[in-house]
Amino acid sequence: MRGLSLDVGGTLIVPAEPVEDVYRRLGEPFGVGAVDFRVEAPGLTQSGDGRPFWREVVRRSTGCADLDYFEQLYAHYARPEAWTVRPGARELLDAWRYSAIVSNWDTRLRQLLWDLGLDAGVILISGELGVEKPDRRIFMKVCHHLGLEPGDVTHVGDSLRDDVEGARAAGFKALHWGTDVSSFAELGAMLSAC
């Protein structure tokens, strides 16, 4: 195994505080009380800056469609202080020659990764590409940019559907964050043993 691709949210980074708490705290002046993220937003993708997608997520999860509230949340999650980088993530990315970051995220991600000190040889963002995981095309772009065949790349992510099933369908090896691997120290040891 020569190449490594990593998901972002839930894998490389996690929210610095519970998302429900942020939605409630910022939503209090707008009458937001309960927050329910179990609601579905079928058919929406994070294309471009993701605003239509996130406006609908906020509306469905809080019942509030106020644009000022939405813009406060949107700006909050573009700031590096809203996120925590998992221990060892930077070091692993720095050490791994053929690495890619591939994420279903909007166009705010590139600057956010820069601000968080996270870099890889390749950064592929669905909002820029117009294609999301688990679509095999986004994984094939990883191979193209790394100059590797699918069987030479391991993808690590926290979504069984988007990351594990999507990567395996594209011919990648795949590890589920939280089940197959739960730290970057453990992932580094696994990759070194391959």
N, C-alpha and C. Protein backbone atom coordinates (compact mmCIF):
# COMPACT_ATOMS: atom_id res chain seq x y z
N MET A 1 0.85 -1.17 0.00
CA MET A 1 0.00 0.00 0.00
C MET A 1 0.89 1.23 0.00
N ARG A 2 0.67 2.08 -1.00
CA ARG A 2 1.50 3.26 -1.12
C ARG A 2 0.76 4.56 -0.85
N GLY A 3 -0.54 4.58 -1.16
CA GLY A 3 -1.30 5.81 -1.05
C GLY A 3 -2.29 5.78 0.10
N LEU A 4 -2.58 6.96 0.59
CA LEU A 4 -3.51 7.12 1.71
C LEU A 4 -4.45 8.26 1.38
N SER A 5 -5.75 8.01 1.52
CA SER A 5 -6.71 9.11 1.42
C SER A 5 -7.53 9.14 2.70
N LEU A 6 -7.81 10.34 3.14
CA LEU A 6 -8.48 10.54 4.42
C LEU A 6 -9.70 11.44 4.27
N ASP A 7 -10.77 11.05 4.92
CA ASP A 7 -11.95 11.88 5.07
C ASP A 7 -11.61 13.00 6.05
N VAL A 8 -12.43 14.04 6.08
CA VAL A 8 -12.16 15.16 6.99
C VAL A 8 -13.04 15.10 8.23
N GLY A 9 -14.32 15.46 8.11
CA GLY A 9 -15.20 15.55 9.27
C GLY A 9 -15.42 14.21 9.94
N GLY A 10 -15.09 14.12 11.22
CA GLY A 10 -15.24 12.88 11.97
C GLY A 10 -14.00 12.01 11.89
N THR A 11 -13.08 12.34 11.00
CA THR A 11 -11.85 11.57 10.83
C THR A 11 -10.65 12.44 11.18
N LEU A 12 -10.33 13.41 10.34
CA LEU A 12 -9.21 14.31 10.63
C LEU A 12 -9.57 15.33 11.70
N ILE A 13 -10.79 15.84 11.62
CA ILE A 13 -11.22 16.87 12.57
C ILE A 13 -12.59 16.54 13.14
N VAL A 14 -12.84 17.08 14.32
CA VAL A 14 -14.15 16.95 14.96
C VAL A 14 -14.55 18.33 15.51
N PRO A 15 -15.84 18.59 15.67
CA PRO A 15 -16.24 19.87 16.25
C PRO A 15 -15.64 20.07 17.64
N ALA A 16 -15.23 21.30 17.92
CA ALA A 16 -14.62 21.62 19.21
C ALA A 16 -15.64 21.55 20.36
N GLU A 17 -16.91 21.73 20.04
CA GLU A 17 -17.97 21.57 21.03
C GLU A 17 -19.15 20.90 20.35
N PRO A 18 -20.02 20.26 21.12
CA PRO A 18 -21.15 19.56 20.50
C PRO A 18 -21.95 20.47 19.57
N VAL A 19 -22.23 19.98 18.37
CA VAL A 19 -22.92 20.77 17.35
C VAL A 19 -24.28 21.23 17.86
N GLU A 20 -24.99 20.36 18.56
CA GLU A 20 -26.31 20.74 19.08
C GLU A 20 -26.20 21.94 20.01
N ASP A 21 -25.13 21.98 20.83
CA ASP A 21 -24.94 23.11 21.75
C ASP A 21 -24.71 24.41 20.99
N VAL A 22 -23.93 24.35 19.92
CA VAL A 22 -23.66 25.54 19.11
C VAL A 22 -24.95 26.02 18.44
N TYR A 23 -25.70 25.09 17.85
CA TYR A 23 -26.95 25.46 17.19
C TYR A 23 -27.91 26.11 18.19
N ARG A 24 -27.99 25.55 19.40
CA ARG A 24 -28.89 26.10 20.42
C ARG A 24 -28.40 27.46 20.92
N ARG A 25 -27.10 27.55 21.22
CA ARG A 25 -26.54 28.81 21.76
C ARG A 25 -26.71 29.95 20.76
N LEU A 26 -26.32 29.73 19.51
CA LEU A 26 -26.46 30.79 18.51
C LEU A 26 -27.92 31.02 18.11
N GLY A 27 -28.75 30.00 18.28
CA GLY A 27 -30.16 30.11 17.90
C GLY A 27 -31.06 30.68 18.97
N GLU A 28 -30.56 30.78 20.20
CA GLU A 28 -31.40 31.27 21.30
C GLU A 28 -32.08 32.60 20.98
N PRO A 29 -31.34 33.61 20.46
CA PRO A 29 -32.00 34.88 20.13
C PRO A 29 -33.05 34.76 19.02
N PHE A 30 -33.03 33.65 18.30
CA PHE A 30 -33.98 33.44 17.20
C PHE A 30 -35.10 32.47 17.58
N GLY A 31 -35.16 32.11 18.86
CA GLY A 31 -36.22 31.24 19.34
C GLY A 31 -35.97 29.76 19.14
N VAL A 32 -34.73 29.39 18.83
CA VAL A 32 -34.41 27.97 18.64
C VAL A 32 -34.27 27.30 20.00
N GLY A 33 -34.97 26.20 20.17
CA GLY A 33 -34.88 25.42 21.40
C GLY A 33 -34.32 24.05 21.10
N ALA A 34 -35.18 23.18 20.61
CA ALA A 34 -34.77 21.81 20.29
C ALA A 34 -34.04 21.76 18.95
N VAL A 35 -33.06 20.88 18.89
CA VAL A 35 -32.31 20.64 17.67
C VAL A 35 -32.36 19.14 17.39
N ASP A 36 -32.76 18.78 16.18
CA ASP A 36 -32.89 17.37 15.82
C ASP A 36 -32.21 17.11 14.49
N PHE A 37 -31.04 16.48 14.53
CA PHE A 37 -30.28 16.21 13.31
C PHE A 37 -30.69 14.92 12.63
N ARG A 38 -31.70 14.25 13.14
CA ARG A 38 -32.15 13.00 12.52
C ARG A 38 -32.98 13.24 11.27
N VAL A 39 -33.37 14.49 11.04
CA VAL A 39 -34.16 14.77 9.86
C VAL A 39 -33.29 14.62 8.61
N GLU A 40 -33.90 14.13 7.56
CA GLU A 40 -33.17 13.88 6.31
C GLU A 40 -33.29 15.08 5.38
N ALA A 41 -32.29 15.25 4.54
CA ALA A 41 -32.33 16.28 3.49
C ALA A 41 -31.96 15.60 2.17
N PRO A 42 -32.85 14.70 1.69
CA PRO A 42 -32.52 13.93 0.49
C PRO A 42 -32.36 14.81 -0.74
N GLY A 43 -31.44 14.40 -1.59
CA GLY A 43 -31.24 15.09 -2.86
C GLY A 43 -30.38 16.32 -2.80
N LEU A 44 -30.02 16.79 -1.61
CA LEU A 44 -29.18 17.97 -1.50
C LEU A 44 -27.72 17.58 -1.44
N THR A 45 -26.88 18.32 -2.13
CA THR A 45 -25.44 18.07 -2.09
C THR A 45 -24.73 19.36 -1.71
N GLN A 46 -23.49 19.20 -1.28
CA GLN A 46 -22.70 20.36 -0.87
C GLN A 46 -21.93 20.92 -2.06
N SER A 47 -22.65 21.43 -3.04
CA SER A 47 -21.97 22.00 -4.19
C SER A 47 -21.63 23.46 -3.91
N GLY A 48 -20.54 23.90 -4.53
CA GLY A 48 -20.10 25.29 -4.35
C GLY A 48 -19.88 25.61 -2.88
N ASP A 49 -20.40 26.75 -2.47
CA ASP A 49 -20.18 27.17 -1.07
C ASP A 49 -21.11 26.45 -0.09
N GLY A 50 -21.99 25.60 -0.59
CA GLY A 50 -22.83 24.76 0.26
C GLY A 50 -23.98 25.47 0.94
N ARG A 51 -24.16 26.75 0.66
CA ARG A 51 -25.20 27.49 1.38
C ARG A 51 -26.60 26.87 1.25
N PRO A 52 -27.07 26.52 0.04
CA PRO A 52 -28.41 25.92 -0.04
C PRO A 52 -28.53 24.64 0.80
N PHE A 53 -27.50 23.81 0.76
CA PHE A 53 -27.49 22.57 1.54
C PHE A 53 -27.58 22.89 3.03
N TRP A 54 -26.69 23.76 3.52
CA TRP A 54 -26.66 24.05 4.95
C TRP A 54 -27.88 24.83 5.43
N ARG A 55 -28.42 25.71 4.58
CA ARG A 55 -29.66 26.41 4.98
C ARG A 55 -30.76 25.39 5.23
N GLU A 56 -30.85 24.38 4.36
CA GLU A 56 -31.89 23.37 4.53
C GLU A 56 -31.62 22.50 5.76
N VAL A 57 -30.38 22.15 6.01
CA VAL A 57 -30.04 21.37 7.21
C VAL A 57 -30.43 22.16 8.47
N VAL A 58 -30.08 23.44 8.50
CA VAL A 58 -30.42 24.27 9.66
C VAL A 58 -31.93 24.37 9.82
N ARG A 59 -32.63 24.64 8.73
CA ARG A 59 -34.09 24.76 8.81
C ARG A 59 -34.75 23.48 9.29
N ARG A 60 -34.32 22.35 8.73
CA ARG A 60 -34.94 21.07 9.11
C ARG A 60 -34.60 20.65 10.53
N SER A 61 -33.39 20.96 10.97
CA SER A 61 -32.98 20.50 12.31
C SER A 61 -33.43 21.42 13.42
N THR A 62 -33.74 22.69 13.10
CA THR A 62 -34.12 23.64 14.15
C THR A 62 -35.51 24.23 13.97
N GLY A 63 -36.04 24.14 12.76
CA GLY A 63 -37.32 24.78 12.47
C GLY A 63 -37.19 26.27 12.22
N CYS A 64 -35.95 26.77 12.19
CA CYS A 64 -35.71 28.20 12.00
C CYS A 64 -35.09 28.46 10.63
N ALA A 65 -35.72 29.35 9.86
CA ALA A 65 -35.22 29.68 8.53
C ALA A 65 -34.66 31.09 8.47
N ASP A 66 -34.41 31.71 9.62
CA ASP A 66 -33.89 33.07 9.66
C ASP A 66 -32.48 33.11 9.05
N LEU A 67 -32.28 33.97 8.06
CA LEU A 67 -30.99 34.03 7.37
C LEU A 67 -29.87 34.54 8.25
N ASP A 68 -30.18 35.44 9.19
CA ASP A 68 -29.13 35.92 10.11
C ASP A 68 -28.62 34.78 10.99
N TYR A 69 -29.52 33.96 11.47
CA TYR A 69 -29.12 32.78 12.27
C TYR A 69 -28.26 31.85 11.43
N PHE A 70 -28.73 31.55 10.22
CA PHE A 70 -27.96 30.67 9.34
C PHE A 70 -26.56 31.23 9.10
N GLU A 71 -26.45 32.50 8.79
CA GLU A 71 -25.13 33.08 8.48
C GLU A 71 -24.20 33.04 9.69
N GLN A 72 -24.72 33.17 10.90
CA GLN A 72 -23.88 33.04 12.10
C GLN A 72 -23.33 31.62 12.21
N LEU A 73 -24.18 30.63 11.99
CA LEU A 73 -23.72 29.23 12.03
C LEU A 73 -22.72 28.96 10.92
N TYR A 74 -23.02 29.43 9.74
CA TYR A 74 -22.16 29.20 8.57
C TYR A 74 -20.77 29.79 8.82
N ALA A 75 -20.72 31.00 9.35
CA ALA A 75 -19.43 31.65 9.65
C ALA A 75 -18.71 30.93 10.78
N HIS A 76 -19.46 30.49 11.78
CA HIS A 76 -18.85 29.79 12.92
C HIS A 76 -18.05 28.58 12.46
N TYR A 77 -18.65 27.76 11.59
CA TYR A 77 -18.00 26.52 11.19
C TYR A 77 -16.93 26.70 10.10
N ALA A 78 -16.75 27.94 9.66
CA ALA A 78 -15.63 28.24 8.75
C ALA A 78 -14.38 28.62 9.54
N ARG A 79 -14.52 28.82 10.85
CA ARG A 79 -13.39 29.25 11.69
C ARG A 79 -12.64 28.04 12.25
N PRO A 80 -11.32 28.12 12.29
CA PRO A 80 -10.55 26.99 12.81
C PRO A 80 -10.84 26.68 14.28
N GLU A 81 -11.19 27.68 15.07
CA GLU A 81 -11.47 27.44 16.49
C GLU A 81 -12.74 26.61 16.71
N ALA A 82 -13.55 26.43 15.68
CA ALA A 82 -14.75 25.59 15.79
C ALA A 82 -14.41 24.11 15.70
N TRP A 83 -13.15 23.80 15.40
CA TRP A 83 -12.74 22.41 15.14
C TRP A 83 -11.54 22.00 15.97
N THR A 84 -11.44 20.71 16.21
CA THR A 84 -10.27 20.12 16.87
C THR A 84 -9.65 19.11 15.92
N VAL A 85 -8.35 19.25 15.70
CA VAL A 85 -7.63 18.29 14.86
C VAL A 85 -7.30 17.09 15.73
N ARG A 86 -7.58 15.90 15.24
CA ARG A 86 -7.28 14.70 16.01
C ARG A 86 -5.77 14.58 16.22
N PRO A 87 -5.36 14.14 17.40
CA PRO A 87 -3.92 13.99 17.68
C PRO A 87 -3.25 13.06 16.66
N GLY A 88 -2.11 13.51 16.18
CA GLY A 88 -1.32 12.71 15.25
C GLY A 88 -1.69 12.89 13.79
N ALA A 89 -2.80 13.60 13.50
CA ALA A 89 -3.24 13.75 12.10
C ALA A 89 -2.22 14.53 11.28
N ARG A 90 -1.76 15.66 11.80
CA ARG A 90 -0.81 16.48 11.05
C ARG A 90 0.47 15.70 10.77
N GLU A 91 0.96 15.01 11.79
CA GLU A 91 2.21 14.28 11.65
C GLU A 91 2.10 13.17 10.61
N LEU A 92 0.98 12.46 10.61
CA LEU A 92 0.80 11.38 9.63
C LEU A 92 0.74 11.95 8.22
N LEU A 93 -0.01 13.04 8.03
CA LEU A 93 -0.08 13.65 6.71
C LEU A 93 1.29 14.14 6.25
N ASP A 94 2.05 14.72 7.17
CA ASP A 94 3.38 15.21 6.82
C ASP A 94 4.33 14.08 6.43
N ALA A 95 4.15 12.92 7.06
CA ALA A 95 5.06 11.80 6.84
C ALA A 95 4.70 10.96 5.61
N TRP A 96 3.43 11.02 5.18
CA TRP A 96 2.98 10.12 4.12
C TRP A 96 3.13 10.80 2.77
N ARG A 97 3.99 10.28 1.93
CA ARG A 97 4.32 10.91 0.65
C ARG A 97 3.13 10.99 -0.29
N TYR A 98 2.40 9.90 -0.45
CA TYR A 98 1.26 9.86 -1.36
C TYR A 98 -0.03 9.95 -0.54
N SER A 99 -0.43 11.18 -0.23
CA SER A 99 -1.62 11.33 0.59
C SER A 99 -2.63 12.27 -0.08
N ALA A 100 -3.88 12.01 0.24
CA ALA A 100 -4.97 12.84 -0.28
C ALA A 100 -5.99 13.05 0.83
N ILE A 101 -6.60 14.20 0.80
CA ILE A 101 -7.75 14.50 1.64
C ILE A 101 -8.93 14.55 0.68
N VAL A 102 -9.97 13.78 0.97
CA VAL A 102 -11.14 13.74 0.09
C VAL A 102 -12.38 13.84 0.97
N SER A 103 -13.20 14.86 0.70
CA SER A 103 -14.31 15.13 1.61
C SER A 103 -15.55 15.64 0.90
N ASN A 104 -16.69 15.21 1.42
CA ASN A 104 -17.98 15.80 1.04
C ASN A 104 -18.13 17.06 1.89
N TRP A 105 -17.74 18.18 1.33
CA TRP A 105 -17.71 19.44 2.08
C TRP A 105 -17.87 20.55 1.06
N ASP A 106 -18.18 21.73 1.52
CA ASP A 106 -18.30 22.86 0.61
C ASP A 106 -16.95 23.56 0.45
N THR A 107 -16.95 24.63 -0.32
CA THR A 107 -15.70 25.28 -0.70
C THR A 107 -15.01 26.01 0.45
N ARG A 108 -15.61 26.08 1.61
CA ARG A 108 -14.92 26.67 2.77
C ARG A 108 -13.79 25.78 3.26
N LEU A 109 -13.81 24.50 2.87
CA LEU A 109 -12.88 23.53 3.46
C LEU A 109 -11.41 23.83 3.18
N ARG A 110 -11.07 24.21 1.97
CA ARG A 110 -9.65 24.41 1.63
C ARG A 110 -9.00 25.42 2.58
N GLN A 111 -9.64 26.57 2.78
CA GLN A 111 -9.10 27.57 3.69
C GLN A 111 -9.08 27.06 5.13
N LEU A 112 -10.13 26.34 5.52
CA LEU A 112 -10.18 25.79 6.87
C LEU A 112 -9.02 24.82 7.12
N LEU A 113 -8.75 23.94 6.16
CA LEU A 113 -7.63 23.01 6.30
C LEU A 113 -6.31 23.77 6.42
N TRP A 114 -6.16 24.79 5.62
CA TRP A 114 -4.95 25.62 5.68
C TRP A 114 -4.81 26.25 7.07
N ASP A 115 -5.92 26.83 7.56
CA ASP A 115 -5.90 27.48 8.87
C ASP A 115 -5.60 26.49 10.00
N LEU A 116 -6.01 25.24 9.83
CA LEU A 116 -5.78 24.20 10.84
C LEU A 116 -4.41 23.53 10.69
N GLY A 117 -3.66 23.91 9.67
CA GLY A 117 -2.34 23.32 9.46
C GLY A 117 -2.39 21.91 8.93
N LEU A 118 -3.45 21.58 8.20
CA LEU A 118 -3.60 20.25 7.61
C LEU A 118 -3.37 20.35 6.10
N ASP A 119 -2.46 19.57 5.61
CA ASP A 119 -2.18 19.59 4.19
C ASP A 119 -1.90 18.17 3.72
N ALA A 120 -2.14 17.96 2.47
CA ALA A 120 -1.85 16.67 1.84
C ALA A 120 -1.39 16.98 0.43
N GLY A 121 -0.83 16.00 -0.23
CA GLY A 121 -0.43 16.21 -1.61
C GLY A 121 -1.60 16.58 -2.48
N VAL A 122 -2.78 16.08 -2.14
CA VAL A 122 -3.99 16.29 -2.94
C VAL A 122 -5.15 16.59 -1.99
N ILE A 123 -5.94 17.60 -2.32
CA ILE A 123 -7.15 17.91 -1.56
C ILE A 123 -8.30 17.94 -2.56
N LEU A 124 -9.24 17.02 -2.38
CA LEU A 124 -10.41 16.92 -3.26
C LEU A 124 -11.67 17.19 -2.44
N ILE A 125 -12.41 18.21 -2.85
CA ILE A 125 -13.58 18.66 -2.11
C ILE A 125 -14.80 18.57 -3.03
N SER A 126 -15.83 17.88 -2.54
CA SER A 126 -17.01 17.67 -3.38
C SER A 126 -17.62 18.98 -3.87
N GLY A 127 -17.61 20.03 -3.03
CA GLY A 127 -18.17 21.31 -3.42
C GLY A 127 -17.46 21.94 -4.60
N GLU A 128 -16.20 21.59 -4.81
CA GLU A 128 -15.44 22.08 -5.96
C GLU A 128 -15.60 21.17 -7.17
N LEU A 129 -15.77 19.88 -6.92
CA LEU A 129 -15.79 18.89 -7.99
C LEU A 129 -17.18 18.60 -8.56
N GLY A 130 -18.21 18.84 -7.75
CA GLY A 130 -19.56 18.51 -8.19
C GLY A 130 -19.89 17.03 -8.11
N VAL A 131 -19.10 16.28 -7.36
CA VAL A 131 -19.35 14.85 -7.15
C VAL A 131 -18.99 14.51 -5.71
N GLU A 132 -19.84 13.71 -5.05
CA GLU A 132 -19.65 13.37 -3.65
C GLU A 132 -19.37 11.88 -3.47
N LYS A 133 -18.66 11.56 -2.40
CA LYS A 133 -18.56 10.15 -1.99
C LYS A 133 -19.98 9.69 -1.66
N PRO A 134 -20.38 8.51 -1.99
CA PRO A 134 -19.59 7.34 -2.38
C PRO A 134 -19.36 7.19 -3.88
N ASP A 135 -19.66 8.21 -4.68
CA ASP A 135 -19.48 8.11 -6.12
C ASP A 135 -18.03 7.73 -6.43
N ARG A 136 -17.89 6.71 -7.24
CA ARG A 136 -16.56 6.18 -7.55
C ARG A 136 -15.68 7.22 -8.24
N ARG A 137 -16.28 8.19 -8.93
CA ARG A 137 -15.49 9.19 -9.66
C ARG A 137 -14.58 10.01 -8.75
N ILE A 138 -15.04 10.30 -7.54
CA ILE A 138 -14.19 11.10 -6.64
C ILE A 138 -12.98 10.28 -6.19
N PHE A 139 -13.18 8.97 -6.02
CA PHE A 139 -12.06 8.11 -5.64
C PHE A 139 -11.09 7.93 -6.81
N MET A 140 -11.62 7.88 -8.02
CA MET A 140 -10.75 7.76 -9.19
C MET A 140 -9.90 9.02 -9.38
N LYS A 141 -10.45 10.17 -8.96
CA LYS A 141 -9.66 11.41 -9.01
C LYS A 141 -8.49 11.33 -8.04
N VAL A 142 -8.68 10.68 -6.90
CA VAL A 142 -7.57 10.47 -5.96
C VAL A 142 -6.45 9.72 -6.66
N CYS A 143 -6.81 8.63 -7.32
CA CYS A 143 -5.80 7.81 -8.03
C CYS A 143 -5.10 8.63 -9.10
N HIS A 144 -5.88 9.37 -9.87
CA HIS A 144 -5.30 10.18 -10.94
C HIS A 144 -4.27 11.17 -10.37
N HIS A 145 -4.65 11.87 -9.31
CA HIS A 145 -3.76 12.88 -8.74
C HIS A 145 -2.54 12.28 -8.04
N LEU A 146 -2.71 11.11 -7.44
CA LEU A 146 -1.57 10.47 -6.77
C LEU A 146 -0.73 9.64 -7.74
N GLY A 147 -1.26 9.36 -8.91
CA GLY A 147 -0.54 8.53 -9.87
C GLY A 147 -0.46 7.07 -9.44
N LEU A 148 -1.52 6.60 -8.77
CA LEU A 148 -1.55 5.24 -8.24
C LEU A 148 -2.79 4.51 -8.73
N GLU A 149 -2.72 3.19 -8.68
CA GLU A 149 -3.88 2.36 -8.99
C GLU A 149 -4.76 2.25 -7.74
N PRO A 150 -6.07 2.00 -7.90
CA PRO A 150 -6.96 1.90 -6.74
C PRO A 150 -6.48 0.92 -5.67
N GLY A 151 -5.95 -0.23 -6.06
CA GLY A 151 -5.51 -1.22 -5.09
C GLY A 151 -4.30 -0.79 -4.28
N ASP A 152 -3.66 0.31 -4.69
CA ASP A 152 -2.49 0.83 -3.97
C ASP A 152 -2.86 1.89 -2.94
N VAL A 153 -4.16 2.20 -2.82
CA VAL A 153 -4.59 3.28 -1.94
C VAL A 153 -5.52 2.74 -0.85
N THR A 154 -5.30 3.19 0.37
CA THR A 154 -6.20 2.91 1.48
C THR A 154 -6.93 4.20 1.84
N HIS A 155 -8.25 4.12 1.92
CA HIS A 155 -9.06 5.26 2.32
C HIS A 155 -9.56 5.03 3.74
N VAL A 156 -9.52 6.09 4.55
CA VAL A 156 -9.97 6.02 5.93
C VAL A 156 -11.03 7.09 6.15
N GLY A 157 -12.18 6.67 6.69
CA GLY A 157 -13.24 7.63 6.96
C GLY A 157 -14.25 7.09 7.95
N ASP A 158 -15.12 7.97 8.42
CA ASP A 158 -16.06 7.59 9.48
C ASP A 158 -17.44 7.17 8.98
N SER A 159 -17.68 7.25 7.68
CA SER A 159 -18.98 6.85 7.14
C SER A 159 -18.87 5.49 6.46
N LEU A 160 -19.66 4.53 6.93
CA LEU A 160 -19.65 3.21 6.29
C LEU A 160 -20.05 3.31 4.83
N ARG A 161 -21.09 4.07 4.56
CA ARG A 161 -21.59 4.18 3.18
C ARG A 161 -20.64 4.99 2.30
N ASP A 162 -20.38 6.23 2.69
CA ASP A 162 -19.62 7.14 1.84
C ASP A 162 -18.14 6.76 1.74
N ASP A 163 -17.55 6.42 2.87
CA ASP A 163 -16.11 6.16 2.90
C ASP A 163 -15.76 4.70 2.64
N VAL A 164 -16.27 3.81 3.45
CA VAL A 164 -15.87 2.40 3.35
C VAL A 164 -16.45 1.74 2.10
N GLU A 165 -17.77 1.76 1.97
CA GLU A 165 -18.39 1.11 0.81
C GLU A 165 -18.01 1.81 -0.49
N GLY A 166 -17.98 3.15 -0.48
CA GLY A 166 -17.61 3.89 -1.68
C GLY A 166 -16.19 3.59 -2.12
N ALA A 167 -15.25 3.59 -1.17
CA ALA A 167 -13.85 3.32 -1.50
C ALA A 167 -13.67 1.90 -1.99
N ARG A 168 -14.29 0.95 -1.32
CA ARG A 168 -14.15 -0.46 -1.73
C ARG A 168 -14.76 -0.69 -3.12
N ALA A 169 -15.87 -0.05 -3.41
CA ALA A 169 -16.49 -0.20 -4.74
C ALA A 169 -15.58 0.36 -5.83
N ALA A 170 -14.71 1.32 -5.45
CA ALA A 170 -13.76 1.89 -6.41
C ALA A 170 -12.46 1.09 -6.48
N GLY A 171 -12.35 0.02 -5.67
CA GLY A 171 -11.16 -0.82 -5.70
C GLY A 171 -10.11 -0.47 -4.66
N PHE A 172 -10.42 0.48 -3.78
CA PHE A 172 -9.51 0.86 -2.71
C PHE A 172 -9.59 -0.14 -1.56
N LYS A 173 -8.58 -0.17 -0.74
CA LYS A 173 -8.69 -0.76 0.58
C LYS A 173 -9.37 0.32 1.43
N ALA A 174 -10.13 -0.07 2.44
CA ALA A 174 -10.83 0.94 3.23
C ALA A 174 -10.83 0.54 4.69
N LEU A 175 -10.70 1.55 5.54
CA LEU A 175 -10.77 1.37 6.99
C LEU A 175 -11.83 2.32 7.54
N HIS A 176 -12.66 1.78 8.42
CA HIS A 176 -13.70 2.59 9.05
C HIS A 176 -13.14 3.19 10.33
N TRP A 177 -13.12 4.54 10.38
CA TRP A 177 -12.64 5.23 11.57
C TRP A 177 -13.60 4.95 12.73
N GLY A 178 -13.06 4.51 13.84
CA GLY A 178 -13.87 4.21 15.01
C GLY A 178 -14.14 2.73 15.16
N THR A 179 -13.97 1.96 14.09
CA THR A 179 -14.14 0.51 14.15
C THR A 179 -12.83 -0.19 13.81
N ASP A 180 -12.32 0.05 12.61
CA ASP A 180 -11.07 -0.59 12.18
C ASP A 180 -9.84 0.11 12.75
N VAL A 181 -9.96 1.40 12.97
CA VAL A 181 -8.85 2.20 13.49
C VAL A 181 -9.44 3.35 14.28
N SER A 182 -8.81 3.72 15.39
CA SER A 182 -9.39 4.78 16.22
C SER A 182 -8.40 5.85 16.64
N SER A 183 -7.18 5.81 16.11
CA SER A 183 -6.22 6.89 16.37
C SER A 183 -5.24 6.95 15.22
N PHE A 184 -4.60 8.10 15.07
CA PHE A 184 -3.62 8.22 14.00
C PHE A 184 -2.33 7.49 14.33
N ALA A 185 -2.05 7.28 15.60
CA ALA A 185 -0.89 6.46 15.97
C ALA A 185 -1.14 5.01 15.53
N GLU A 186 -2.35 4.52 15.78
CA GLU A 186 -2.71 3.16 15.37
C GLU A 186 -2.71 3.05 13.83
N LEU A 187 -3.25 4.06 13.16
CA LEU A 187 -3.27 4.04 11.69
C LEU A 187 -1.84 4.05 11.14
N GLY A 188 -0.98 4.88 11.69
CA GLY A 188 0.41 4.92 11.24
C GLY A 188 1.10 3.59 11.39
N ALA A 189 0.87 2.91 12.52
CA ALA A 189 1.48 1.60 12.74
C ALA A 189 0.93 0.58 11.75
N MET A 190 -0.37 0.64 11.48
CA MET A 190 -0.98 -0.29 10.51
C MET A 190 -0.40 -0.08 9.12
N LEU A 191 -0.28 1.18 8.73
CA LEU A 191 0.22 1.48 7.38
C LEU A 191 1.69 1.10 7.25
N SER A 192 2.46 1.29 8.28
CA SER A 192 3.89 0.95 8.25
C SER A 192 4.09 -0.56 8.14
N ALA A 193 3.14 -1.31 8.68
CA ALA A 193 3.25 -2.78 8.66
C ALA A 193 2.88 -3.35 7.29
N CYS A 194 2.22 -2.58 6.43
CA CYS A 194 1.78 -3.07 5.12
C CYS A 194 2.94 -3.16 4.15
